[in-house]
Amino acid sequence: MNKIKLTAGEREALVKKIQRYFQEELDQEIEQFPAEFLLQFFTEEIGAYFYNRGLLDAQAVLEKRLDSIGEAIDELRQPVDY
């Protein structure tokens, strides 16, 4: 499996969210470097669970749409005698 890769902008935004969480919820300040390490840990150790859940959700949506397309095609069928 490919590693989850974040853009620099995504990493920056997530690091800020981690820092804000520590400040607001834990009343602790976490510097950028430790927050980046924490993000790296989450990405490498936990990220695959969220990634896989996203794939399953996307697959469910696609299957639902394909069922809908199949039904629409069935409605277009013309009656024939065999």
PDB file of N, CA and C in Angstrom:
ATOM      1  N   MET A   1       0.842  -1.188   0.000  1.00  0.00           N
ATOM      2  CA  MET A   1       0.000   0.000   0.000  1.00  0.00           C
ATOM      3  C   MET A   1       0.877   1.238   0.000  1.00  0.00           C
ATOM      4  N   ASN A   2       0.458   2.225  -0.727  1.00  0.00           N
ATOM      5  CA  ASN A   2       1.175   3.490  -0.748  1.00  0.00           C
ATOM      6  C   ASN A   2       0.974   4.225   0.563  1.00  0.00           C
ATOM      7  N   LYS A   3       1.992   4.958   0.968  1.00  0.00           N
ATOM      8  CA  LYS A   3       1.868   5.770   2.173  1.00  0.00           C
ATOM      9  C   LYS A   3       0.936   6.939   1.903  1.00  0.00           C
ATOM     10  N   ILE A   4       0.273   7.382   2.932  1.00  0.00           N
ATOM     11  CA  ILE A   4      -0.588   8.554   2.819  1.00  0.00           C
ATOM     12  C   ILE A   4       0.317   9.776   2.741  1.00  0.00           C
ATOM     13  N   LYS A   5       0.127  10.551   1.697  1.00  0.00           N
ATOM     14  CA  LYS A   5       0.955  11.733   1.490  1.00  0.00           C
ATOM     15  C   LYS A   5       0.088  12.979   1.599  1.00  0.00           C
ATOM     16  N   LEU A   6       0.554  13.894   2.398  1.00  0.00           N
ATOM     17  CA  LEU A   6      -0.140  15.167   2.578  1.00  0.00           C
ATOM     18  C   LEU A   6       0.671  16.261   1.894  1.00  0.00           C
ATOM     19  N   THR A   7      -0.030  17.238   1.357  1.00  0.00           N
ATOM     20  CA  THR A   7       0.671  18.387   0.791  1.00  0.00           C
ATOM     21  C   THR A   7       1.220  19.239   1.936  1.00  0.00           C
ATOM     22  N   ALA A   8       2.121  20.125   1.602  1.00  0.00           N
ATOM     23  CA  ALA A   8       2.682  21.021   2.615  1.00  0.00           C
ATOM     24  C   ALA A   8       1.576  21.848   3.263  1.00  0.00           C
ATOM     25  N   GLY A   9       0.619  22.293   2.457  1.00  0.00           N
ATOM     26  CA  GLY A   9      -0.496  23.075   2.997  1.00  0.00           C
ATOM     27  C   GLY A   9      -1.376  22.267   3.934  1.00  0.00           C
ATOM     28  N   GLU A  10      -1.620  21.018   3.583  1.00  0.00           N
ATOM     29  CA  GLU A  10      -2.422  20.144   4.453  1.00  0.00           C
ATOM     30  C   GLU A  10      -1.693  19.898   5.769  1.00  0.00           C
ATOM     31  N   ARG A  11      -0.394  19.614   5.695  1.00  0.00           N
ATOM     32  CA  ARG A  11       0.394  19.391   6.919  1.00  0.00           C
ATOM     33  C   ARG A  11       0.363  20.628   7.809  1.00  0.00           C
ATOM     34  N   GLU A  12       0.549  21.781   7.191  1.00  0.00           N
ATOM     35  CA  GLU A  12       0.556  23.026   7.961  1.00  0.00           C
ATOM     36  C   GLU A  12      -0.786  23.240   8.665  1.00  0.00           C
ATOM     37  N   ALA A  13      -1.874  23.021   7.941  1.00  0.00           N
ATOM     38  CA  ALA A  13      -3.207  23.203   8.519  1.00  0.00           C
ATOM     39  C   ALA A  13      -3.449  22.212   9.661  1.00  0.00           C
ATOM     40  N   LEU A  14      -3.028  20.962   9.464  1.00  0.00           N
ATOM     41  CA  LEU A  14      -3.234  19.944  10.494  1.00  0.00           C
ATOM     42  C   LEU A  14      -2.385  20.199  11.733  1.00  0.00           C
ATOM     43  N   VAL A  15      -1.161  20.651  11.539  1.00  0.00           N
ATOM     44  CA  VAL A  15      -0.304  20.991  12.677  1.00  0.00           C
ATOM     45  C   VAL A  15      -0.950  22.101  13.488  1.00  0.00           C
ATOM     46  N   LYS A  16      -1.505  23.095  12.814  1.00  0.00           N
ATOM     47  CA  LYS A  16      -2.175  24.189  13.525  1.00  0.00           C
ATOM     48  C   LYS A  16      -3.394  23.680  14.297  1.00  0.00           C
ATOM     49  N   LYS A  17      -4.121  22.733  13.705  1.00  0.00           N
ATOM     50  CA  LYS A  17      -5.278  22.166  14.394  1.00  0.00           C
ATOM     51  C   LYS A  17      -4.841  21.395  15.637  1.00  0.00           C
ATOM     52  N   ILE A  18      -3.737  20.667  15.540  1.00  0.00           N
ATOM     53  CA  ILE A  18      -3.205  19.941  16.702  1.00  0.00           C
ATOM     54  C   ILE A  18      -2.808  20.923  17.786  1.00  0.00           C
ATOM     55  N   GLN A  19      -2.118  21.985  17.401  1.00  0.00           N
ATOM     56  CA  GLN A  19      -1.704  22.994  18.374  1.00  0.00           C
ATOM     57  C   GLN A  19      -2.908  23.647  19.045  1.00  0.00           C
ATOM     58  N   ARG A  20      -3.931  23.962  18.240  1.00  0.00           N
ATOM     59  CA  ARG A  20      -5.134  24.572  18.797  1.00  0.00           C
ATOM     60  C   ARG A  20      -5.849  23.612  19.744  1.00  0.00           C
ATOM     61  N   TYR A  21      -5.914  22.332  19.381  1.00  0.00           N
ATOM     62  CA  TYR A  21      -6.552  21.334  20.243  1.00  0.00           C
ATOM     63  C   TYR A  21      -5.833  21.263  21.590  1.00  0.00           C
ATOM     64  N   PHE A  22      -4.517  21.175  21.558  1.00  0.00           N
ATOM     65  CA  PHE A  22      -3.762  21.106  22.812  1.00  0.00           C
ATOM     66  C   PHE A  22      -4.022  22.337  23.674  1.00  0.00           C
ATOM     67  N   GLN A  23      -4.079  23.503  23.037  1.00  0.00           N
ATOM     68  CA  GLN A  23      -4.295  24.737  23.788  1.00  0.00           C
ATOM     69  C   GLN A  23      -5.705  24.802  24.373  1.00  0.00           C
ATOM     70  N   GLU A  24      -6.720  24.532  23.545  1.00  0.00           N
ATOM     71  CA  GLU A  24      -8.106  24.705  23.973  1.00  0.00           C
ATOM     72  C   GLU A  24      -8.612  23.564  24.861  1.00  0.00           C
ATOM     73  N   GLU A  25      -8.239  22.348  24.555  1.00  0.00           N
ATOM     74  CA  GLU A  25      -8.791  21.204  25.283  1.00  0.00           C
ATOM     75  C   GLU A  25      -7.909  20.734  26.440  1.00  0.00           C
ATOM     76  N   LEU A  26      -6.610  20.887  26.310  1.00  0.00           N
ATOM     77  CA  LEU A  26      -5.692  20.383  27.330  1.00  0.00           C
ATOM     78  C   LEU A  26      -4.988  21.495  28.094  1.00  0.00           C
ATOM     79  N   ASP A  27      -5.241  22.735  27.652  1.00  0.00           N
ATOM     80  CA  ASP A  27      -4.613  23.904  28.262  1.00  0.00           C
ATOM     81  C   ASP A  27      -3.091  23.741  28.310  1.00  0.00           C
ATOM     82  N   GLN A  28      -2.551  23.210  27.211  1.00  0.00           N
ATOM     83  CA  GLN A  28      -1.105  23.023  27.086  1.00  0.00           C
ATOM     84  C   GLN A  28      -0.664  23.568  25.737  1.00  0.00           C
ATOM     85  N   GLU A  29       0.548  24.071  25.732  1.00  0.00           N
ATOM     86  CA  GLU A  29       1.094  24.563  24.478  1.00  0.00           C
ATOM     87  C   GLU A  29       1.998  23.483  23.892  1.00  0.00           C
ATOM     88  N   ILE A  30       1.821  23.219  22.615  1.00  0.00           N
ATOM     89  CA  ILE A  30       2.683  22.269  21.923  1.00  0.00           C
ATOM     90  C   ILE A  30       3.327  23.020  20.762  1.00  0.00           C
ATOM     91  N   GLU A  31       4.624  22.929  20.692  1.00  0.00           N
ATOM     92  CA  GLU A  31       5.356  23.625  19.644  1.00  0.00           C
ATOM     93  C   GLU A  31       5.167  22.919  18.309  1.00  0.00           C
ATOM     94  N   GLN A  32       5.573  23.582  17.251  1.00  0.00           N
ATOM     95  CA  GLN A  32       5.362  23.061  15.899  1.00  0.00           C
ATOM     96  C   GLN A  32       6.060  21.718  15.692  1.00  0.00           C
ATOM     97  N   PHE A  33       7.293  21.585  16.133  1.00  0.00           N
ATOM     98  CA  PHE A  33       8.052  20.363  15.898  1.00  0.00           C
ATOM     99  C   PHE A  33       7.387  19.140  16.541  1.00  0.00           C
ATOM    100  N   PRO A  34       7.018  19.198  17.826  1.00  0.00           N
ATOM    101  CA  PRO A  34       6.314  18.046  18.413  1.00  0.00           C
ATOM    102  C   PRO A  34       4.951  17.793  17.765  1.00  0.00           C
ATOM    103  N   ALA A  35       4.286  18.856  17.347  1.00  0.00           N
ATOM    104  CA  ALA A  35       2.990  18.688  16.679  1.00  0.00           C
ATOM    105  C   ALA A  35       3.177  17.989  15.343  1.00  0.00           C
ATOM    106  N   GLU A  36       4.268  18.287  14.642  1.00  0.00           N
ATOM    107  CA  GLU A  36       4.559  17.608  13.382  1.00  0.00           C
ATOM    108  C   GLU A  36       4.840  16.123  13.611  1.00  0.00           C
ATOM    109  N   PHE A  37       5.569  15.801  14.686  1.00  0.00           N
ATOM    110  CA  PHE A  37       5.824  14.401  15.017  1.00  0.00           C
ATOM    111  C   PHE A  37       4.522  13.666  15.344  1.00  0.00           C
ATOM    112  N   LEU A  38       3.636  14.336  16.067  1.00  0.00           N
ATOM    113  CA  LEU A  38       2.349  13.733  16.399  1.00  0.00           C
ATOM    114  C   LEU A  38       1.533  13.499  15.133  1.00  0.00           C
ATOM    115  N   LEU A  39       1.536  14.456  14.237  1.00  0.00           N
ATOM    116  CA  LEU A  39       0.841  14.298  12.964  1.00  0.00           C
ATOM    117  C   LEU A  39       1.434  13.140  12.173  1.00  0.00           C
ATOM    118  N   GLN A  40       2.742  13.026  12.159  1.00  0.00           N
ATOM    119  CA  GLN A  40       3.397  11.932  11.450  1.00  0.00           C
ATOM    120  C   GLN A  40       2.976  10.590  12.042  1.00  0.00           C
ATOM    121  N   PHE A  41       2.907  10.511  13.375  1.00  0.00           N
ATOM    122  CA  PHE A  41       2.466   9.285  14.028  1.00  0.00           C
ATOM    123  C   PHE A  41       1.039   8.942  13.609  1.00  0.00           C
ATOM    124  N   PHE A  42       0.141   9.919  13.685  1.00  0.00           N
ATOM    125  CA  PHE A  42      -1.250   9.662  13.306  1.00  0.00           C
ATOM    126  C   PHE A  42      -1.348   9.231  11.851  1.00  0.00           C
ATOM    127  N   THR A  43      -0.606   9.894  10.989  1.00  0.00           N
ATOM    128  CA  THR A  43      -0.656   9.571   9.564  1.00  0.00           C
ATOM    129  C   THR A  43      -0.176   8.149   9.306  1.00  0.00           C
ATOM    130  N   GLU A  44       0.945   7.772   9.920  1.00  0.00           N
ATOM    131  CA  GLU A  44       1.533   6.459   9.667  1.00  0.00           C
ATOM    132  C   GLU A  44       0.818   5.327  10.393  1.00  0.00           C
ATOM    133  N   GLU A  45       0.382   5.568  11.610  1.00  0.00           N
ATOM    134  CA  GLU A  45      -0.171   4.492  12.433  1.00  0.00           C
ATOM    135  C   GLU A  45      -1.696   4.413  12.421  1.00  0.00           C
ATOM    136  N   ILE A  46      -2.366   5.513  12.191  1.00  0.00           N
ATOM    137  CA  ILE A  46      -3.826   5.549  12.290  1.00  0.00           C
ATOM    138  C   ILE A  46      -4.471   5.946  10.966  1.00  0.00           C
ATOM    139  N   GLY A  47      -3.740   6.658  10.140  1.00  0.00           N
ATOM    140  CA  GLY A  47      -4.291   7.195   8.904  1.00  0.00           C
ATOM    141  C   GLY A  47      -4.930   6.162   8.004  1.00  0.00           C
ATOM    142  N   ALA A  48      -4.351   4.963   7.940  1.00  0.00           N
ATOM    143  CA  ALA A  48      -4.888   3.927   7.054  1.00  0.00           C
ATOM    144  C   ALA A  48      -6.320   3.542   7.427  1.00  0.00           C
ATOM    145  N   TYR A  49      -6.668   3.597   8.696  1.00  0.00           N
ATOM    146  CA  TYR A  49      -8.032   3.273   9.115  1.00  0.00           C
ATOM    147  C   TYR A  49      -9.030   4.279   8.532  1.00  0.00           C
ATOM    148  N   PHE A  50      -8.678   5.557   8.597  1.00  0.00           N
ATOM    149  CA  PHE A  50      -9.543   6.593   8.044  1.00  0.00           C
ATOM    150  C   PHE A  50      -9.565   6.540   6.520  1.00  0.00           C
ATOM    151  N   TYR A  51      -8.415   6.272   5.926  1.00  0.00           N
ATOM    152  CA  TYR A  51      -8.321   6.152   4.474  1.00  0.00           C
ATOM    153  C   TYR A  51      -9.204   5.006   3.985  1.00  0.00           C
ATOM    154  N   ASN A  52      -9.092   3.861   4.642  1.00  0.00           N
ATOM    155  CA  ASN A  52      -9.898   2.700   4.248  1.00  0.00           C
ATOM    156  C   ASN A  52     -11.388   2.955   4.442  1.00  0.00           C
ATOM    157  N   ARG A  53     -11.758   3.653   5.498  1.00  0.00           N
ATOM    158  CA  ARG A  53     -13.159   3.987   5.730  1.00  0.00           C
ATOM    159  C   ARG A  53     -13.650   4.881   4.602  1.00  0.00           C
ATOM    160  N   GLY A  54     -12.833   5.837   4.180  1.00  0.00           N
ATOM    161  CA  GLY A  54     -13.195   6.700   3.069  1.00  0.00           C
ATOM    162  C   GLY A  54     -13.391   5.922   1.781  1.00  0.00           C
ATOM    163  N   LEU A  55     -12.520   4.933   1.543  1.00  0.00           N
ATOM    164  CA  LEU A  55     -12.683   4.088   0.358  1.00  0.00           C
ATOM    165  C   LEU A  55     -13.982   3.301   0.411  1.00  0.00           C
ATOM    166  N   LEU A  56     -14.303   2.745   1.582  1.00  0.00           N
ATOM    167  CA  LEU A  56     -15.546   1.985   1.721  1.00  0.00           C
ATOM    168  C   LEU A  56     -16.767   2.882   1.520  1.00  0.00           C
ATOM    169  N   ASP A  57     -16.706   4.097   2.041  1.00  0.00           N
ATOM    170  CA  ASP A  57     -17.806   5.041   1.853  1.00  0.00           C
ATOM    171  C   ASP A  57     -17.964   5.402   0.376  1.00  0.00           C
ATOM    172  N   ALA A  58     -16.833   5.643  -0.305  1.00  0.00           N
ATOM    173  CA  ALA A  58     -16.881   5.968  -1.730  1.00  0.00           C
ATOM    174  C   ALA A  58     -17.418   4.787  -2.534  1.00  0.00           C
ATOM    175  N   GLN A  59     -17.012   3.585  -2.162  1.00  0.00           N
ATOM    176  CA  GLN A  59     -17.489   2.386  -2.855  1.00  0.00           C
ATOM    177  C   GLN A  59     -19.001   2.228  -2.683  1.00  0.00           C
ATOM    178  N   ALA A  60     -19.501   2.500  -1.482  1.00  0.00           N
ATOM    179  CA  ALA A  60     -20.935   2.397  -1.233  1.00  0.00           C
ATOM    180  C   ALA A  60     -21.712   3.403  -2.081  1.00  0.00           C
ATOM    181  N   VAL A  61     -21.200   4.618  -2.183  1.00  0.00           N
ATOM    182  CA  VAL A  61     -21.856   5.640  -3.011  1.00  0.00           C
ATOM    183  C   VAL A  61     -21.860   5.210  -4.468  1.00  0.00           C
ATOM    184  N   LEU A  62     -20.732   4.714  -4.937  1.00  0.00           N
ATOM    185  CA  LEU A  62     -20.623   4.267  -6.325  1.00  0.00           C
ATOM    186  C   LEU A  62     -21.580   3.109  -6.604  1.00  0.00           C
ATOM    187  N   GLU A  63     -21.644   2.141  -5.706  1.00  0.00           N
ATOM    188  CA  GLU A  63     -22.559   1.015  -5.893  1.00  0.00           C
ATOM    189  C   GLU A  63     -24.010   1.477  -5.951  1.00  0.00           C
ATOM    190  N   LYS A  64     -24.364   2.439  -5.099  1.00  0.00           N
ATOM    191  CA  LYS A  64     -25.724   2.974  -5.094  1.00  0.00           C
ATOM    192  C   LYS A  64     -26.027   3.662  -6.423  1.00  0.00           C
ATOM    193  N   ARG A  65     -25.062   4.439  -6.910  1.00  0.00           N
ATOM    194  CA  ARG A  65     -25.253   5.129  -8.197  1.00  0.00           C
ATOM    195  C   ARG A  65     -25.358   4.120  -9.342  1.00  0.00           C
ATOM    196  N   LEU A  66     -24.526   3.076  -9.316  1.00  0.00           N
ATOM    197  CA  LEU A  66     -24.571   2.075 -10.371  1.00  0.00           C
ATOM    198  C   LEU A  66     -25.911   1.328 -10.360  1.00  0.00           C
ATOM    199  N   ASP A  67     -26.435   1.054  -9.163  1.00  0.00           N
ATOM    200  CA  ASP A  67     -27.757   0.432  -9.069  1.00  0.00           C
ATOM    201  C   ASP A  67     -28.809   1.347  -9.695  1.00  0.00           C
ATOM    202  N   SER A  68     -28.704   2.637  -9.410  1.00  0.00           N
ATOM    203  CA  SER A  68     -29.646   3.606  -9.949  1.00  0.00           C
ATOM    204  C   SER A  68     -29.555   3.666 -11.470  1.00  0.00           C
ATOM    205  N   ILE A  69     -28.341   3.620 -12.001  1.00  0.00           N
ATOM    206  CA  ILE A  69     -28.156   3.627 -13.453  1.00  0.00           C
ATOM    207  C   ILE A  69     -28.747   2.357 -14.057  1.00  0.00           C
ATOM    208  N   GLY A  70     -28.511   1.219 -13.403  1.00  0.00           N
ATOM    209  CA  GLY A  70     -29.080  -0.043 -13.879  1.00  0.00           C
ATOM    210  C   GLY A  70     -30.598  -0.001 -13.929  1.00  0.00           C
ATOM    211  N   GLU A  71     -31.198   0.585 -12.898  1.00  0.00           N
ATOM    212  CA  GLU A  71     -32.653   0.707 -12.869  1.00  0.00           C
ATOM    213  C   GLU A  71     -33.140   1.628 -13.995  1.00  0.00           C
ATOM    214  N   ALA A  72     -32.432   2.723 -14.238  1.00  0.00           N
ATOM    215  CA  ALA A  72     -32.812   3.656 -15.299  1.00  0.00           C
ATOM    216  C   ALA A  72     -32.714   2.983 -16.665  1.00  0.00           C
ATOM    217  N   ILE A  73     -31.688   2.175 -16.848  1.00  0.00           N
ATOM    218  CA  ILE A  73     -31.554   1.443 -18.111  1.00  0.00           C
ATOM    219  C   ILE A  73     -32.693   0.450 -18.270  1.00  0.00           C
ATOM    220  N   ASP A  74     -33.033  -0.252 -17.190  1.00  0.00           N
ATOM    221  CA  ASP A  74     -34.149  -1.208 -17.254  1.00  0.00           C
ATOM    222  C   ASP A  74     -35.449  -0.510 -17.642  1.00  0.00           C
ATOM    223  N   GLU A  75     -35.663   0.708 -17.166  1.00  0.00           N
ATOM    224  CA  GLU A  75     -36.872   1.450 -17.497  1.00  0.00           C
ATOM    225  C   GLU A  75     -36.909   1.834 -18.964  1.00  0.00           C
ATOM    226  N   LEU A  76     -35.802   1.906 -19.625  1.00  0.00           N
ATOM    227  CA  LEU A  76     -35.730   2.274 -21.035  1.00  0.00           C
ATOM    228  C   LEU A  76     -35.998   1.087 -21.965  1.00  0.00           C
ATOM    229  N   ARG A  77     -35.958  -0.104 -21.436  1.00  0.00           N
ATOM    230  CA  ARG A  77     -36.147  -1.291 -22.276  1.00  0.00           C
ATOM    231  C   ARG A  77     -37.521  -1.275 -22.925  1.00  0.00           C
ATOM    232  N   GLN A  78     -37.552  -1.708 -24.153  1.00  0.00           N
ATOM    233  CA  GLN A  78     -38.793  -1.810 -24.910  1.00  0.00           C
ATOM    234  C   GLN A  78     -39.297  -3.250 -24.828  1.00  0.00           C
ATOM    235  N   PRO A  79     -40.593  -3.407 -24.719  1.00  0.00           N
ATOM    236  CA  PRO A  79     -41.118  -4.769 -24.664  1.00  0.00           C
ATOM    237  C   PRO A  79     -40.935  -5.469 -26.007  1.00  0.00           C
ATOM    238  N   VAL A  80     -40.578  -6.723 -25.947  1.00  0.00           N
ATOM    239  CA  VAL A  80     -40.412  -7.534 -27.168  1.00  0.00           C
ATOM    240  C   VAL A  80     -41.053  -8.899 -26.940  1.00  0.00           C
ATOM    241  N   ASP A  81     -41.462  -9.488 -28.032  1.00  0.00           N
ATOM    242  CA  ASP A  81     -41.981 -10.852 -27.980  1.00  0.00           C
ATOM    243  C   ASP A  81     -40.844 -11.796 -28.327  1.00  0.00           C
ATOM    244  N   TYR A  82     -40.754 -12.854 -27.574  1.00  0.00           N
ATOM    245  CA  TYR A  82     -39.711 -13.855 -27.846  1.00  0.00           C
ATOM    246  C   TYR A  82     -40.326 -15.063 -28.486  1.00  0.00           C
TER     247      TYR A  82
END
